[in-house]
Amino acid sequence: MSETGSLPATPPGATANSPWRMPRKAWWQILKRVYVMIGFHELGLLSAGLAFYTFLAITPLIAATVMIYGLVGDPETVQRQMQKIVEVVPADAATLIEEQLLQIVNTSGGVTGLALVIALFFAIYGGMRAANGMISALNIINEEHETRNIIKVSMRAAGLTLAAILIALTGILSGGVFAWLQTQTSVYLGGATQTLFKLITWTAAIALGSAGFALIMRYGPDRRPAKWKWLSPGSLLATLLWIAISFGFSLYVAYISDYNATYGSLSAIVVFLMWLFLSAYGVLVGALLNAEIERQIQCDTTIGPDLPPGERGARLADVIDDVVPTTDSLEKRRARRAARARRRADKAEETERAE
């Protein structure tokens, strides 16, 4: 209790201005809540649904990546470079991805002009399934009600899908550049540089993955976007969990479990879906960590000028000592309309002053 006897004590780390400056007690409270909220939000069911939508979207996403790459380079080159990326995933999942990749490369080689634009449009549209599933899951984790209309949600999903494709392309191009540098420097500077460039490659991959997950966590849910620094712990955790899950599940499938004996000809699909499920689980755990960090903090974690609780446009950012001033979706719409009205009034006032 505080000195007044009516207000609860300030939780540890509540006044920190960065997630990395919170004390150990704050992190312990956050991790305990993450453990509890995993069950409360049914993260297993959310991950299963997201894995299914991603399974439906994976071929269109690969197709869009190959076609966009084909605008500036040779699609067969992306095939060779993506084969190095799929080495991280379980062998059965890699086989499915490579088969789809070969089919897409063979069929998209002769697609040009307007046909390419149409094919690319439908590929991105097909890939939006995963983005829509992620938006729904992030709304649940951030305890937000979806108030955007179908056009805004579709545009947001399309933007996130295109951003994911561009991040994948950046990763492919970067991987090719680092592989070339590793080969060239090993010839002139010796084998020691190979280890250095492997470390640089993994560092760049983790940074790129974290940036991609942070982008999704920032613009996916229906809320005022959070500042990048408050998204960094969860996005970094999501990246590390994805890498650990991919390697760990690959070893599990190869040396411990026998999916072929249990599922027969369906084993490749089952392994692929299980890998997608575990990957989605890791990403959502990262998003949940960010949500619980935001619940712990009293300062405004959203973009723009600092606002008092109740006006921040994000439920968890508005939580102060477990009191949520703005929770109802109708109130959120009213607050959004009021903010737009204030902006229009400010612009009108500036115009009058200028005249």
Foldseek 3Di string as FASTA:
>chain_A
DDPVVPDDDAQFPQADPFPVPTDPRLVVVLVVVLVVVCVVLVLLVLLLQLLVLQVQLVLLLLLLLLLVCVVPDQSVLLLVLVLVVLVLFAPLLSVVSSVSSVVSNVVCPPQDDPSSVVSNVVSLVRNLSSLLSLLVLLCSLLLHDDDDDPVVLSVLSSVLSVVVSVLVNVLSVVSVVLVVVLVVCCVVPNNVVNVVSVVVNVVVVLVSQLVSLLVSSQRRYQFFGFDSSLLNQLSSQLSVQLSCLRNVLNCCPVPPDPQCVVPNPCSSVVSNSVSSSSSSSRSSSSSSSSLSSLLSYQWQRGDDDTDHQPLRGGQSVNHDSNDGNDNDPVVSVVSVVVVVVVVVVVVVVVVVVVD
